[in-house]
C-alpha atoms as a PDB file:
ATOM      1  CA  MET A   1       0.848  88.784-127.758  1.00  0.00           C
ATOM      2  CA  LYS A   2       2.745  85.603-128.694  1.00  0.00           C
ATOM      3  CA  LYS A   3       5.993  87.318-127.648  1.00  0.00           C
ATOM      4  CA  PHE A   4       4.584  88.016-124.189  1.00  0.00           C
ATOM      5  CA  ILE A   5       3.389  84.414-123.765  1.00  0.00           C
ATOM      6  CA  PHE A   6       6.778  83.114-124.919  1.00  0.00           C
ATOM      7  CA  LEU A   7       8.635  85.496-122.577  1.00  0.00           C
ATOM      8  CA  GLY A   8       6.333  84.524-119.704  1.00  0.00           C
ATOM      9  CA  THR A   9       6.983  80.833-120.363  1.00  0.00           C
ATOM     10  CA  ILE A  10      10.762  81.399-120.368  1.00  0.00           C
ATOM     11  CA  ILE A  11      10.622  83.323-117.067  1.00  0.00           C
ATOM     12  CA  LEU A  12       8.382  80.707-115.439  1.00  0.00           C
ATOM     13  CA  THR A  13      10.643  77.863-116.603  1.00  0.00           C
ATOM     14  CA  ALA A  14      13.758  79.652-115.323  1.00  0.00           C
ATOM     15  CA  THR A  15      12.070  80.249-111.959  1.00  0.00           C
ATOM     16  CA  ILE A  16      11.058  76.592-111.620  1.00  0.00           C
ATOM     17  CA  VAL A  17      14.542  75.360-112.568  1.00  0.00           C
ATOM     18  CA  LYS A  18      16.159  77.752-110.076  1.00  0.00           C
ATOM     19  CA  ALA A  19      13.805  76.602-107.314  1.00  0.00           C
ATOM     20  CA  GLN A  20      14.817  72.977-107.950  1.00  0.00           C
ATOM     21  CA  LEU A  21      18.580  73.564-107.823  1.00  0.00           C
ATOM     22  CA  ASN A  22      20.050  71.798-104.840  1.00  0.00           C
ATOM     23  CA  PRO A  23      23.713  71.037-105.544  1.00  0.00           C
ATOM     24  CA  VAL A  24      24.460  69.884-101.972  1.00  0.00           C
ATOM     25  CA  ILE A  25      23.038  66.775-100.297  1.00  0.00           C
ATOM     26  CA  TRP A  26      23.505  66.592 -96.516  1.00  0.00           C
ATOM     27  CA  THR A  27      23.671  63.444 -94.405  1.00  0.00           C
ATOM     28  CA  PHE A  28      23.770  63.595 -90.619  1.00  0.00           C
ATOM     29  CA  THR A  29      25.042  60.788 -88.409  1.00  0.00           C
ATOM     30  CA  ALA A  30      26.301  60.348 -84.874  1.00  0.00           C
ATOM     31  CA  LYS A  31      29.055  58.037 -83.686  1.00  0.00           C
ATOM     32  CA  LYS A  32      29.685  57.138 -80.055  1.00  0.00           C
ATOM     33  CA  ILE A  33      33.362  57.652 -79.209  1.00  0.00           C
ATOM     34  CA  ALA A  34      33.246  57.409 -75.405  1.00  0.00           C
ATOM     35  CA  ASP A  35      30.754  57.261 -72.553  1.00  0.00           C
ATOM     36  CA  LYS A  36      28.211  60.084 -73.203  1.00  0.00           C
ATOM     37  CA  THR A  37      30.513  61.533 -75.887  1.00  0.00           C
ATOM     38  CA  TYR A  38      29.660  61.477 -79.577  1.00  0.00           C
ATOM     39  CA  GLU A  39      30.870  62.815 -82.872  1.00  0.00           C
ATOM     40  CA  VAL A  40      28.161  64.355 -85.007  1.00  0.00           C
ATOM     41  CA  HIS A  41      29.089  64.052 -88.687  1.00  0.00           C
ATOM     42  CA  MET A  42      27.440  66.532 -91.049  1.00  0.00           C
ATOM     43  CA  LYS A  43      28.569  65.328 -94.455  1.00  0.00           C
ATOM     44  CA  ALA A  44      28.011  67.422 -97.565  1.00  0.00           C
ATOM     45  CA  THR A  45      28.075  65.713-100.955  1.00  0.00           C
ATOM     46  CA  ILE A  46      28.576  68.414-103.568  1.00  0.00           C
ATOM     47  CA  GLN A  47      27.384  68.072-107.145  1.00  0.00           C
ATOM     48  CA  SER A  48      30.103  68.192-109.818  1.00  0.00           C
ATOM     49  CA  GLY A  49      30.967  71.748-110.865  1.00  0.00           C
ATOM     50  CA  TRP A  50      29.753  73.282-107.585  1.00  0.00           C
ATOM     51  CA  HIS A  51      31.667  74.335-104.468  1.00  0.00           C
ATOM     52  CA  LEU A  52      30.786  74.534-100.783  1.00  0.00           C
ATOM     53  CA  TYR A  53      32.651  77.071 -98.710  1.00  0.00           C
ATOM     54  CA  SER A  54      34.714  76.482 -95.593  1.00  0.00           C
ATOM     55  CA  GLN A  55      33.762  77.869 -92.194  1.00  0.00           C
ATOM     56  CA  THR A  56      36.887  80.034 -92.350  1.00  0.00           C
ATOM     57  CA  GLN A  57      37.533  82.398 -95.228  1.00  0.00           C
ATOM     58  CA  PRO A  58      40.348  84.746 -96.243  1.00  0.00           C
ATOM     59  CA  GLU A  59      39.893  88.464 -95.608  1.00  0.00           C
ATOM     60  CA  ASP A  60      39.204  89.189 -99.279  1.00  0.00           C
ATOM     61  CA  ALA A  61      36.398  86.594 -99.547  1.00  0.00           C
ATOM     62  CA  ILE A  62      32.956  87.903-100.535  1.00  0.00           C
ATOM     63  CA  ILE A  63      30.909  84.698-100.191  1.00  0.00           C
ATOM     64  CA  ASN A  64      29.143  83.378 -97.105  1.00  0.00           C
ATOM     65  CA  PRO A  65      31.112  80.803 -95.116  1.00  0.00           C
ATOM     66  CA  THR A  66      29.347  77.644 -93.968  1.00  0.00           C
ATOM     67  CA  THR A  67      28.008  78.138 -90.451  1.00  0.00           C
ATOM     68  CA  PHE A  68      26.352  75.755 -88.015  1.00  0.00           C
ATOM     69  CA  THR A  69      23.901  76.761 -85.316  1.00  0.00           C
ATOM     70  CA  VAL A  70      23.171  74.490 -82.375  1.00  0.00           C
ATOM     71  CA  ASN A  71      19.986  75.477 -80.581  1.00  0.00           C
ATOM     72  CA  ASN A  72      20.188  75.940 -76.836  1.00  0.00           C
ATOM     73  CA  ASN A  73      19.548  72.611 -75.199  1.00  0.00           C
ATOM     74  CA  PRO A  74      20.405  71.701 -71.597  1.00  0.00           C
ATOM     75  CA  LEU A  75      21.055  68.124 -72.774  1.00  0.00           C
ATOM     76  CA  LEU A  76      23.830  69.135 -75.175  1.00  0.00           C
ATOM     77  CA  ILE A  77      27.377  70.268 -74.581  1.00  0.00           C
ATOM     78  CA  ALA A  78      29.461  71.093 -77.651  1.00  0.00           C
ATOM     79  CA  ASP A  79      33.060  70.047 -77.066  1.00  0.00           C
ATOM     80  CA  GLY A  80      35.362  72.267 -79.109  1.00  0.00           C
ATOM     81  CA  LYS A  81      34.929  73.718 -82.575  1.00  0.00           C
ATOM     82  CA  ILE A  82      33.500  71.974 -85.622  1.00  0.00           C
ATOM     83  CA  LYS A  83      36.299  70.363 -87.617  1.00  0.00           C
ATOM     84  CA  GLU A  84      36.334  70.015 -91.398  1.00  0.00           C
ATOM     85  CA  THR A  85      37.527  66.785 -92.987  1.00  0.00           C
ATOM     86  CA  GLY A  86      38.109  67.060 -96.707  1.00  0.00           C
ATOM     87  CA  THR A  87      40.436  68.557 -99.277  1.00  0.00           C
ATOM     88  CA  VAL A  88      40.205  72.319 -98.981  1.00  0.00           C
ATOM     89  CA  GLU A  89      40.822  74.202-102.208  1.00  0.00           C
ATOM     90  CA  LYS A  90      42.390  77.659-101.996  1.00  0.00           C
ATOM     91  CA  PHE A  91      40.643  79.586-104.778  1.00  0.00           C
ATOM     92  CA  HIS A  92      41.781  83.007-106.021  1.00  0.00           C
ATOM     93  CA  ASP A  93      40.250  85.065-108.808  1.00  0.00           C
ATOM     94  CA  ALA A  94      42.963  87.473-109.983  1.00  0.00           C
ATOM     95  CA  ARG A  95      40.491  89.384-112.143  1.00  0.00           C
ATOM     96  CA  LEU A  96      38.241  90.254-109.180  1.00  0.00           C
ATOM     97  CA  ASN A  97      41.025  90.025-106.577  1.00  0.00           C
ATOM     98  CA  ILE A  98      38.965  87.783-104.293  1.00  0.00           C
ATOM     99  CA  SER A  99      39.730  84.470-102.618  1.00  0.00           C
ATOM    100  CA  ALA A 100      37.806  81.612-101.054  1.00  0.00           C
ATOM    101  CA  ASN A 101      38.453  78.400 -99.152  1.00  0.00           C
ATOM    102  CA  GLN A 102      36.173  75.842-100.759  1.00  0.00           C
ATOM    103  CA  TYR A 103      35.431  72.141-101.144  1.00  0.00           C
ATOM    104  CA  SER A 104      34.415  70.040-104.144  1.00  0.00           C
ATOM    105  CA  ASN A 105      32.887  66.542-104.082  1.00  0.00           C
ATOM    106  CA  THR A 106      32.576  65.961-100.304  1.00  0.00           C
ATOM    107  CA  VAL A 107      33.402  67.469 -96.943  1.00  0.00           C
ATOM    108  CA  ASP A 108      32.616  66.127 -93.476  1.00  0.00           C
ATOM    109  CA  PHE A 109      32.013  68.629 -90.685  1.00  0.00           C
ATOM    110  CA  VAL A 110      32.521  66.962 -87.301  1.00  0.00           C
ATOM    111  CA  GLN A 111      31.371  68.310 -83.925  1.00  0.00           C
ATOM    112  CA  LYS A 112      32.166  66.475 -80.716  1.00  0.00           C
ATOM    113  CA  ILE A 113      29.165  66.614 -78.355  1.00  0.00           C
ATOM    114  CA  LYS A 114      27.725  65.177 -75.206  1.00  0.00           C
ATOM    115  CA  LEU A 115      24.025  64.092 -75.313  1.00  0.00           C
ATOM    116  CA  LYS A 116      21.465  65.306 -78.013  1.00  0.00           C
ATOM    117  CA  ALA A 117      20.237  68.482 -79.767  1.00  0.00           C
ATOM    118  CA  LYS A 118      18.494  69.988 -82.765  1.00  0.00           C
ATOM    119  CA  ALA A 119      20.593  72.123 -85.078  1.00  0.00           C
ATOM    120  CA  ASN A 120      20.863  73.629 -88.548  1.00  0.00           C
ATOM    121  CA  VAL A 121      23.504  74.380 -91.150  1.00  0.00           C
ATOM    122  CA  GLU A 122      23.639  77.450 -93.382  1.00  0.00           C
ATOM    123  CA  TYR A 123      25.714  77.343 -96.552  1.00  0.00           C
ATOM    124  CA  GLN A 124      26.171  78.889 -99.979  1.00  0.00           C
ATOM    125  CA  THR A 125      27.179  77.262-103.266  1.00  0.00           C
ATOM    126  CA  CYS A 126      28.480  78.614-106.562  1.00  0.00           C
ATOM    127  CA  ASP A 127      29.535  77.281-109.929  1.00  0.00           C
ATOM    128  CA  ASP A 128      31.694  79.081-112.487  1.00  0.00           C
ATOM    129  CA  LYS A 129      28.804  81.313-113.609  1.00  0.00           C
ATOM    130  CA  LYS A 130      26.527  81.995-110.648  1.00  0.00           C
ATOM    131  CA  CYS A 131      26.043  81.777-106.914  1.00  0.00           C
ATOM    132  CA  LEU A 132      22.876  80.572-105.256  1.00  0.00           C
ATOM    133  CA  PRO A 133      21.558  82.459-102.218  1.00  0.00           C
ATOM    134  CA  PRO A 134      22.478  81.103 -98.784  1.00  0.00           C
ATOM    135  CA  LYS A 135      20.378  78.109 -97.758  1.00  0.00           C
ATOM    136  CA  THR A 136      19.495  76.751 -94.316  1.00  0.00           C
ATOM    137  CA  VAL A 137      18.846  73.059 -93.663  1.00  0.00           C
ATOM    138  CA  ASN A 138      17.445  71.989 -90.292  1.00  0.00           C
ATOM    139  CA  PHE A 139      18.403  68.621 -88.894  1.00  0.00           C
ATOM    140  CA  SER A 140      18.191  66.592 -85.720  1.00  0.00           C
ATOM    141  CA  ILE A 141      20.089  63.533 -84.592  1.00  0.00           C
ATOM    142  CA  ALA A 142      18.981  61.262 -81.775  1.00  0.00           C
ATOM    143  CA  ILE A 143      21.911  60.176 -79.621  1.00  0.00           C
ATOM    144  CA  GLN A 144      21.314  56.787 -78.041  1.00  0.00           C
END
């Protein structure tokens, strides 16, 4: 019986620790660059040892790229594609023959817009031993 209680405690502790893992902190800001034109900055600060993946991946990648979804809003016009500002790392695992475009430390995703909207970001992170499931973070930014 003690073995079952011990095993149950280990499983419960592992589940709680996994639920608390959040190796990416997002900050969302908007900067006015012209009349009715703004840059929305979606900055990811990545915990040491973890990686956040680029929106574009090589053909042999098996991870989920970072994607942004902007909800339909008649007050918002996205102007061009979301740009990434950071040092992209070209990762290749020869053993598994897979590649990835990834970031460490920080990356700033920048979308030029006109007016305001609600949106979300979906991303996946991994360290050298495991990958966490994709995660979605909702955010909104008031443009004034």
